[in-house]
Amino acid sequence: MQNVAEVFAAWPSDAELARDLGVPYPTISAWKQRESIPAAYWWDITRAARNRGHPEISPELLARLHARSPNEQRPAGLEEEMTSEYRYGPKAEADEADAAGKSTGAAHGHFSKWRHLRRSNFASAAEIDAHINALREEWTRR
């Protein structure tokens, strides 16, 4: 397999893949459109593929298909952002947009400015609660 589209082609339809993973059909459509499968689903996809007789779909394959190409440069300041509390944020997106010559906003997707608030960026429910409380305090101050 040479690309993510071939992973999707291992299922008879997107609806079958959605059923196997237990996700809504539009989720699969969005993945296909982005040509990317979120890492949180790699384990489920490999297990479902194995059940359908496709042992060649493995976490290693998915990592290779999603890996950054060697000539693709990291945006300036991204290493600094990656070591911070969040993996994504407004600064990293602005740097990425500047490096690509695009403006922030629609160029990265409808909700990408909220990437740093995704549940996967928090280690525990307590961390989510602390973040929400900090937002409430900020709102009250304003």
N, C-alpha and C. Protein backbone atom coordinates (compact mmCIF):
# COMPACT_ATOMS: atom_id res chain seq x y z
N MET A 1 0.85 -1.18 0.00
CA MET A 1 0.00 0.00 0.00
C MET A 1 0.89 1.23 0.00
N GLN A 2 0.52 2.16 -0.87
CA GLN A 2 1.34 3.36 -1.06
C GLN A 2 0.70 4.64 -0.53
N ASN A 3 -0.61 4.59 -0.25
CA ASN A 3 -1.27 5.80 0.25
C ASN A 3 -2.48 5.42 1.09
N VAL A 4 -3.02 6.40 1.77
CA VAL A 4 -4.15 6.19 2.68
C VAL A 4 -5.40 5.75 1.93
N ALA A 5 -5.56 6.20 0.69
CA ALA A 5 -6.73 5.81 -0.10
C ALA A 5 -6.80 4.29 -0.27
N GLU A 6 -5.65 3.64 -0.37
CA GLU A 6 -5.62 2.18 -0.51
C GLU A 6 -6.07 1.48 0.77
N VAL A 7 -5.86 2.12 1.92
CA VAL A 7 -6.37 1.56 3.18
C VAL A 7 -7.89 1.57 3.15
N PHE A 8 -8.47 2.69 2.73
CA PHE A 8 -9.93 2.78 2.64
C PHE A 8 -10.48 1.78 1.63
N ALA A 9 -9.72 1.51 0.57
CA ALA A 9 -10.18 0.60 -0.47
C ALA A 9 -10.23 -0.85 0.01
N ALA A 10 -9.65 -1.15 1.15
CA ALA A 10 -9.69 -2.51 1.69
C ALA A 10 -11.09 -2.88 2.17
N TRP A 11 -11.95 -1.91 2.34
CA TRP A 11 -13.34 -2.16 2.75
C TRP A 11 -14.24 -2.02 1.52
N PRO A 12 -15.32 -2.80 1.47
CA PRO A 12 -16.22 -2.70 0.32
C PRO A 12 -16.87 -1.32 0.19
N SER A 13 -17.06 -0.64 1.32
CA SER A 13 -17.66 0.71 1.28
C SER A 13 -17.25 1.47 2.54
N ASP A 14 -17.42 2.77 2.47
CA ASP A 14 -17.13 3.60 3.64
C ASP A 14 -18.09 3.27 4.78
N ALA A 15 -19.31 2.91 4.43
CA ALA A 15 -20.30 2.55 5.46
C ALA A 15 -19.85 1.30 6.22
N GLU A 16 -19.26 0.34 5.51
CA GLU A 16 -18.76 -0.87 6.17
C GLU A 16 -17.62 -0.52 7.13
N LEU A 17 -16.72 0.34 6.69
CA LEU A 17 -15.62 0.77 7.56
C LEU A 17 -16.17 1.49 8.79
N ALA A 18 -17.13 2.36 8.57
CA ALA A 18 -17.74 3.09 9.70
C ALA A 18 -18.36 2.12 10.69
N ARG A 19 -19.06 1.10 10.18
CA ARG A 19 -19.66 0.09 11.07
C ARG A 19 -18.59 -0.68 11.83
N ASP A 20 -17.53 -1.08 11.12
CA ASP A 20 -16.46 -1.84 11.77
C ASP A 20 -15.78 -1.05 12.89
N LEU A 21 -15.67 0.26 12.70
CA LEU A 21 -15.00 1.10 13.69
C LEU A 21 -15.95 1.68 14.73
N GLY A 22 -17.25 1.64 14.43
CA GLY A 22 -18.22 2.21 15.35
C GLY A 22 -18.22 3.73 15.34
N VAL A 23 -17.96 4.31 14.17
CA VAL A 23 -17.98 5.77 14.03
C VAL A 23 -19.03 6.15 12.99
N PRO A 24 -19.52 7.37 13.01
CA PRO A 24 -20.50 7.80 12.01
C PRO A 24 -19.88 7.83 10.61
N TYR A 25 -20.71 7.59 9.62
CA TYR A 25 -20.27 7.60 8.22
C TYR A 25 -19.59 8.91 7.84
N PRO A 26 -20.11 10.09 8.24
CA PRO A 26 -19.45 11.35 7.86
C PRO A 26 -18.00 11.45 8.37
N THR A 27 -17.71 10.76 9.47
CA THR A 27 -16.34 10.77 9.99
C THR A 27 -15.39 10.13 8.97
N ILE A 28 -15.80 8.99 8.44
CA ILE A 28 -14.98 8.30 7.44
C ILE A 28 -14.83 9.17 6.19
N SER A 29 -15.91 9.81 5.78
CA SER A 29 -15.85 10.70 4.61
C SER A 29 -14.86 11.84 4.83
N ALA A 30 -14.85 12.38 6.03
CA ALA A 30 -13.92 13.47 6.34
C ALA A 30 -12.48 12.96 6.29
N TRP A 31 -12.24 11.76 6.82
CA TRP A 31 -10.88 11.19 6.77
C TRP A 31 -10.43 11.01 5.33
N LYS A 32 -11.34 10.50 4.50
CA LYS A 32 -10.99 10.30 3.09
C LYS A 32 -10.68 11.63 2.41
N GLN A 33 -11.46 12.62 2.71
CA GLN A 33 -11.25 13.93 2.09
C GLN A 33 -9.89 14.51 2.50
N ARG A 34 -9.52 14.33 3.78
CA ARG A 34 -8.24 14.83 4.28
C ARG A 34 -7.08 13.91 3.90
N GLU A 35 -7.41 12.69 3.44
CA GLU A 35 -6.41 11.66 3.16
C GLU A 35 -5.56 11.40 4.39
N SER A 36 -6.24 11.28 5.53
CA SER A 36 -5.57 11.09 6.80
C SER A 36 -6.50 10.38 7.78
N ILE A 37 -5.94 9.44 8.52
CA ILE A 37 -6.69 8.72 9.55
C ILE A 37 -6.10 9.13 10.89
N PRO A 38 -6.90 9.63 11.83
CA PRO A 38 -6.36 10.02 13.13
C PRO A 38 -5.69 8.83 13.82
N ALA A 39 -4.55 9.09 14.44
CA ALA A 39 -3.79 8.04 15.11
C ALA A 39 -4.60 7.33 16.19
N ALA A 40 -5.55 8.01 16.77
CA ALA A 40 -6.38 7.39 17.82
C ALA A 40 -7.17 6.19 17.29
N TYR A 41 -7.34 6.10 15.99
CA TYR A 41 -8.11 5.01 15.39
C TYR A 41 -7.24 3.94 14.73
N TRP A 42 -5.93 4.09 14.73
CA TRP A 42 -5.06 3.15 14.05
C TRP A 42 -5.21 1.73 14.60
N TRP A 43 -5.28 1.60 15.91
CA TRP A 43 -5.41 0.27 16.51
C TRP A 43 -6.72 -0.38 16.06
N ASP A 44 -7.81 0.38 16.11
CA ASP A 44 -9.11 -0.15 15.70
C ASP A 44 -9.12 -0.54 14.22
N ILE A 45 -8.48 0.28 13.40
CA ILE A 45 -8.44 -0.02 11.96
C ILE A 45 -7.62 -1.28 11.69
N THR A 46 -6.49 -1.42 12.35
CA THR A 46 -5.68 -2.61 12.12
C THR A 46 -6.42 -3.87 12.57
N ARG A 47 -7.13 -3.77 13.68
CA ARG A 47 -7.90 -4.92 14.17
C ARG A 47 -9.04 -5.25 13.20
N ALA A 48 -9.75 -4.24 12.73
CA ALA A 48 -10.85 -4.46 11.79
C ALA A 48 -10.32 -5.00 10.46
N ALA A 49 -9.17 -4.50 10.02
CA ALA A 49 -8.58 -4.98 8.77
C ALA A 49 -8.18 -6.45 8.90
N ARG A 50 -7.61 -6.81 10.02
CA ARG A 50 -7.24 -8.20 10.26
C ARG A 50 -8.48 -9.09 10.22
N ASN A 51 -9.57 -8.64 10.83
CA ASN A 51 -10.81 -9.40 10.81
C ASN A 51 -11.38 -9.56 9.40
N ARG A 52 -11.06 -8.62 8.52
CA ARG A 52 -11.53 -8.68 7.13
C ARG A 52 -10.52 -9.34 6.21
N GLY A 53 -9.42 -9.86 6.77
CA GLY A 53 -8.43 -10.56 5.96
C GLY A 53 -7.39 -9.68 5.32
N HIS A 54 -7.06 -8.57 5.95
CA HIS A 54 -6.04 -7.65 5.44
C HIS A 54 -4.96 -7.43 6.50
N PRO A 55 -4.13 -8.45 6.76
CA PRO A 55 -3.10 -8.30 7.79
C PRO A 55 -2.00 -7.31 7.40
N GLU A 56 -1.95 -6.93 6.12
CA GLU A 56 -0.92 -5.97 5.69
C GLU A 56 -1.17 -4.56 6.24
N ILE A 57 -2.38 -4.29 6.69
CA ILE A 57 -2.69 -2.99 7.30
C ILE A 57 -2.29 -3.07 8.77
N SER A 58 -1.20 -2.42 9.09
CA SER A 58 -0.63 -2.49 10.44
C SER A 58 -0.38 -1.07 10.96
N PRO A 59 -0.13 -0.94 12.26
CA PRO A 59 0.21 0.40 12.78
C PRO A 59 1.47 0.96 12.11
N GLU A 60 2.42 0.09 11.80
CA GLU A 60 3.64 0.54 11.13
C GLU A 60 3.33 1.11 9.74
N LEU A 61 2.44 0.42 9.01
CA LEU A 61 2.03 0.90 7.69
C LEU A 61 1.35 2.26 7.82
N LEU A 62 0.44 2.39 8.76
CA LEU A 62 -0.27 3.66 8.94
C LEU A 62 0.70 4.78 9.33
N ALA A 63 1.67 4.46 10.18
CA ALA A 63 2.66 5.47 10.56
C ALA A 63 3.48 5.90 9.35
N ARG A 64 3.85 4.93 8.51
CA ARG A 64 4.63 5.26 7.31
C ARG A 64 3.82 6.12 6.35
N LEU A 65 2.54 5.78 6.17
CA LEU A 65 1.69 6.54 5.26
C LEU A 65 1.43 7.96 5.75
N HIS A 66 1.43 8.15 7.06
CA HIS A 66 1.15 9.47 7.63
C HIS A 66 2.41 10.27 7.96
N ALA A 67 3.57 9.67 7.74
CA ALA A 67 4.83 10.33 8.10
C ALA A 67 5.08 11.53 7.19
N ARG A 68 5.74 12.47 7.73
CA ARG A 68 6.13 13.68 7.00
C ARG A 68 7.18 13.28 5.96
N SER A 69 7.08 13.81 4.75
CA SER A 69 8.08 13.49 3.74
C SER A 69 9.41 14.14 4.12
N PRO A 70 10.55 13.53 3.72
CA PRO A 70 11.86 14.04 4.14
C PRO A 70 12.13 15.47 3.71
N ASN A 71 11.60 15.90 2.57
CA ASN A 71 11.87 17.27 2.11
C ASN A 71 10.90 18.29 2.66
N GLU A 72 9.93 17.85 3.47
CA GLU A 72 8.97 18.76 4.07
C GLU A 72 9.60 19.40 5.31
N GLN A 73 9.66 20.71 5.35
CA GLN A 73 10.30 21.41 6.45
C GLN A 73 9.29 21.72 7.54
N ARG A 74 9.79 21.72 8.77
CA ARG A 74 8.95 22.13 9.89
C ARG A 74 8.88 23.65 9.92
N PRO A 75 7.73 24.18 10.23
CA PRO A 75 7.61 25.64 10.32
C PRO A 75 8.49 26.20 11.44
N ALA A 76 8.96 27.40 11.25
CA ALA A 76 9.79 28.05 12.26
C ALA A 76 9.02 28.15 13.57
N GLY A 77 9.69 27.82 14.67
CA GLY A 77 9.08 27.93 15.99
C GLY A 77 8.25 26.73 16.39
N LEU A 78 8.09 25.74 15.51
CA LEU A 78 7.23 24.61 15.84
C LEU A 78 7.85 23.73 16.92
N GLU A 79 9.18 23.54 16.89
CA GLU A 79 9.81 22.72 17.92
C GLU A 79 9.54 23.30 19.31
N GLU A 80 9.63 24.62 19.41
CA GLU A 80 9.34 25.30 20.67
C GLU A 80 7.89 25.05 21.09
N GLU A 81 6.97 25.13 20.14
CA GLU A 81 5.55 24.93 20.44
C GLU A 81 5.28 23.48 20.83
N MET A 82 5.97 22.53 20.21
CA MET A 82 5.73 21.12 20.48
C MET A 82 6.18 20.74 21.89
N THR A 83 7.12 21.48 22.45
CA THR A 83 7.58 21.17 23.79
C THR A 83 6.75 21.88 24.86
N SER A 84 5.82 22.71 24.44
CA SER A 84 5.00 23.42 25.40
C SER A 84 3.89 22.52 25.92
N GLU A 85 3.00 23.07 26.71
CA GLU A 85 1.93 22.29 27.34
C GLU A 85 1.02 21.64 26.32
N TYR A 86 0.75 22.31 25.21
CA TYR A 86 -0.11 21.77 24.17
C TYR A 86 0.70 21.44 22.93
N ARG A 87 0.24 20.46 22.18
CA ARG A 87 0.91 20.11 20.94
C ARG A 87 0.55 21.07 19.82
N TYR A 88 -0.58 21.73 19.89
CA TYR A 88 -1.03 22.66 18.87
C TYR A 88 -1.42 23.95 19.54
N GLY A 89 -1.48 24.98 18.79
CA GLY A 89 -1.91 26.24 19.36
C GLY A 89 -1.87 27.32 18.32
N PRO A 90 -2.35 28.48 18.69
CA PRO A 90 -2.41 29.58 17.73
C PRO A 90 -1.04 29.95 17.16
N LYS A 91 0.00 29.93 18.00
CA LYS A 91 1.33 30.30 17.51
C LYS A 91 1.82 29.31 16.48
N ALA A 92 1.67 28.01 16.74
CA ALA A 92 2.13 26.99 15.79
C ALA A 92 1.35 27.09 14.49
N GLU A 93 0.06 27.33 14.57
CA GLU A 93 -0.75 27.45 13.36
C GLU A 93 -0.37 28.69 12.57
N ALA A 94 -0.10 29.79 13.26
CA ALA A 94 0.30 31.01 12.56
C ALA A 94 1.65 30.80 11.88
N ASP A 95 2.60 30.16 12.58
CA ASP A 95 3.90 29.88 11.99
C ASP A 95 3.76 28.96 10.78
N GLU A 96 2.91 27.95 10.93
CA GLU A 96 2.70 27.00 9.84
C GLU A 96 2.08 27.71 8.64
N ALA A 97 1.12 28.57 8.89
CA ALA A 97 0.47 29.30 7.82
C ALA A 97 1.45 30.25 7.14
N ASP A 98 2.29 30.92 7.94
CA ASP A 98 3.28 31.82 7.36
C ASP A 98 4.26 31.05 6.48
N ALA A 99 4.70 29.89 6.95
CA ALA A 99 5.65 29.08 6.19
C ALA A 99 5.03 28.60 4.89
N ALA A 100 3.73 28.33 4.90
CA ALA A 100 3.05 27.85 3.70
C ALA A 100 2.57 29.01 2.83
N GLY A 101 2.72 30.24 3.32
CA GLY A 101 2.27 31.39 2.57
C GLY A 101 0.76 31.56 2.57
N LYS A 102 0.11 31.03 3.60
CA LYS A 102 -1.35 31.12 3.69
C LYS A 102 -1.72 31.91 4.92
N SER A 103 -2.95 32.36 4.94
CA SER A 103 -3.45 33.01 6.14
C SER A 103 -4.08 31.96 7.04
N THR A 104 -4.13 32.24 8.32
CA THR A 104 -4.76 31.30 9.24
C THR A 104 -6.26 31.32 9.02
N GLY A 105 -6.95 30.32 9.52
CA GLY A 105 -8.40 30.27 9.36
C GLY A 105 -8.80 29.14 8.45
N ALA A 106 -9.48 29.43 7.38
CA ALA A 106 -10.03 28.41 6.49
C ALA A 106 -8.95 27.53 5.87
N ALA A 107 -7.72 28.02 5.77
CA ALA A 107 -6.66 27.23 5.15
C ALA A 107 -6.35 25.98 5.94
N HIS A 108 -6.71 25.94 7.21
CA HIS A 108 -6.40 24.80 8.05
C HIS A 108 -7.63 24.02 8.47
N GLY A 109 -8.76 24.38 8.01
CA GLY A 109 -9.96 23.66 8.39
C GLY A 109 -10.83 24.50 9.30
N HIS A 110 -12.07 24.12 9.33
CA HIS A 110 -13.08 24.92 10.01
C HIS A 110 -12.80 25.11 11.50
N PHE A 111 -12.40 24.05 12.19
CA PHE A 111 -12.23 24.14 13.64
C PHE A 111 -10.77 24.05 14.07
N SER A 112 -9.83 24.16 13.17
CA SER A 112 -8.44 23.94 13.53
C SER A 112 -7.90 24.96 14.53
N LYS A 113 -8.51 26.13 14.62
CA LYS A 113 -8.01 27.09 15.61
C LYS A 113 -8.30 26.61 17.04
N TRP A 114 -9.14 25.59 17.19
CA TRP A 114 -9.47 25.05 18.51
C TRP A 114 -8.73 23.73 18.75
N ARG A 115 -7.76 23.39 17.91
CA ARG A 115 -7.05 22.12 18.02
C ARG A 115 -6.47 21.89 19.42
N HIS A 116 -5.96 22.95 20.03
CA HIS A 116 -5.34 22.82 21.35
C HIS A 116 -6.34 22.45 22.43
N LEU A 117 -7.64 22.51 22.14
CA LEU A 117 -8.65 22.18 23.13
C LEU A 117 -9.19 20.76 22.98
N ARG A 118 -8.65 20.00 22.04
CA ARG A 118 -9.13 18.63 21.85
C ARG A 118 -8.83 17.79 23.07
N ARG A 119 -9.73 16.89 23.37
CA ARG A 119 -9.63 16.03 24.54
C ARG A 119 -8.30 15.29 24.60
N SER A 120 -7.77 14.88 23.45
CA SER A 120 -6.53 14.10 23.42
C SER A 120 -5.32 14.91 23.88
N ASN A 121 -5.44 16.23 23.97
CA ASN A 121 -4.32 17.05 24.42
C ASN A 121 -4.26 17.19 25.94
N PHE A 122 -5.21 16.60 26.63
CA PHE A 122 -5.24 16.68 28.09
C PHE A 122 -4.97 15.29 28.66
N ALA A 123 -4.20 15.23 29.73
CA ALA A 123 -3.81 13.94 30.32
C ALA A 123 -4.93 13.33 31.16
N SER A 124 -5.80 14.15 31.72
CA SER A 124 -6.83 13.60 32.62
C SER A 124 -8.05 14.52 32.64
N ALA A 125 -9.10 14.01 33.25
CA ALA A 125 -10.31 14.81 33.41
C ALA A 125 -10.04 16.02 34.31
N ALA A 126 -9.18 15.85 35.30
CA ALA A 126 -8.84 16.96 36.19
C ALA A 126 -8.17 18.09 35.41
N GLU A 127 -7.33 17.72 34.43
CA GLU A 127 -6.68 18.73 33.61
C GLU A 127 -7.70 19.50 32.76
N ILE A 128 -8.70 18.79 32.26
CA ILE A 128 -9.77 19.43 31.48
C ILE A 128 -10.55 20.38 32.38
N ASP A 129 -10.90 19.93 33.59
CA ASP A 129 -11.62 20.79 34.53
C ASP A 129 -10.81 22.04 34.87
N ALA A 130 -9.51 21.87 35.09
CA ALA A 130 -8.66 23.01 35.41
C ALA A 130 -8.64 24.01 34.25
N HIS A 131 -8.59 23.49 33.03
CA HIS A 131 -8.59 24.37 31.86
C HIS A 131 -9.91 25.12 31.75
N ILE A 132 -11.02 24.42 31.95
CA ILE A 132 -12.34 25.06 31.88
C ILE A 132 -12.46 26.14 32.96
N ASN A 133 -12.00 25.85 34.17
CA ASN A 133 -12.04 26.84 35.25
C ASN A 133 -11.19 28.06 34.92
N ALA A 134 -10.02 27.84 34.30
CA ALA A 134 -9.18 28.96 33.91
C ALA A 134 -9.88 29.81 32.86
N LEU A 135 -10.58 29.18 31.93
CA LEU A 135 -11.33 29.92 30.92
C LEU A 135 -12.46 30.73 31.56
N ARG A 136 -13.13 30.12 32.54
CA ARG A 136 -14.21 30.84 33.23
C ARG A 136 -13.67 32.06 33.96
N GLU A 137 -12.53 31.89 34.65
CA GLU A 137 -11.92 33.01 35.36
C GLU A 137 -11.54 34.12 34.39
N GLU A 138 -10.97 33.74 33.25
CA GLU A 138 -10.60 34.73 32.24
C GLU A 138 -11.84 35.47 31.74
N TRP A 139 -12.91 34.75 31.51
CA TRP A 139 -14.17 35.35 31.05
C TRP A 139 -14.69 36.34 32.09
N THR A 140 -14.63 35.96 33.35
CA THR A 140 -15.10 36.81 34.44
C THR A 140 -14.28 38.10 34.52
N ARG A 141 -12.96 37.97 34.36
CA ARG A 141 -12.09 39.15 34.39
C ARG A 141 -12.40 40.11 33.26
N ARG A 142 -12.79 39.60 32.13
CA ARG A 142 -13.06 40.47 30.97
C ARG A 142 -14.42 41.08 31.10
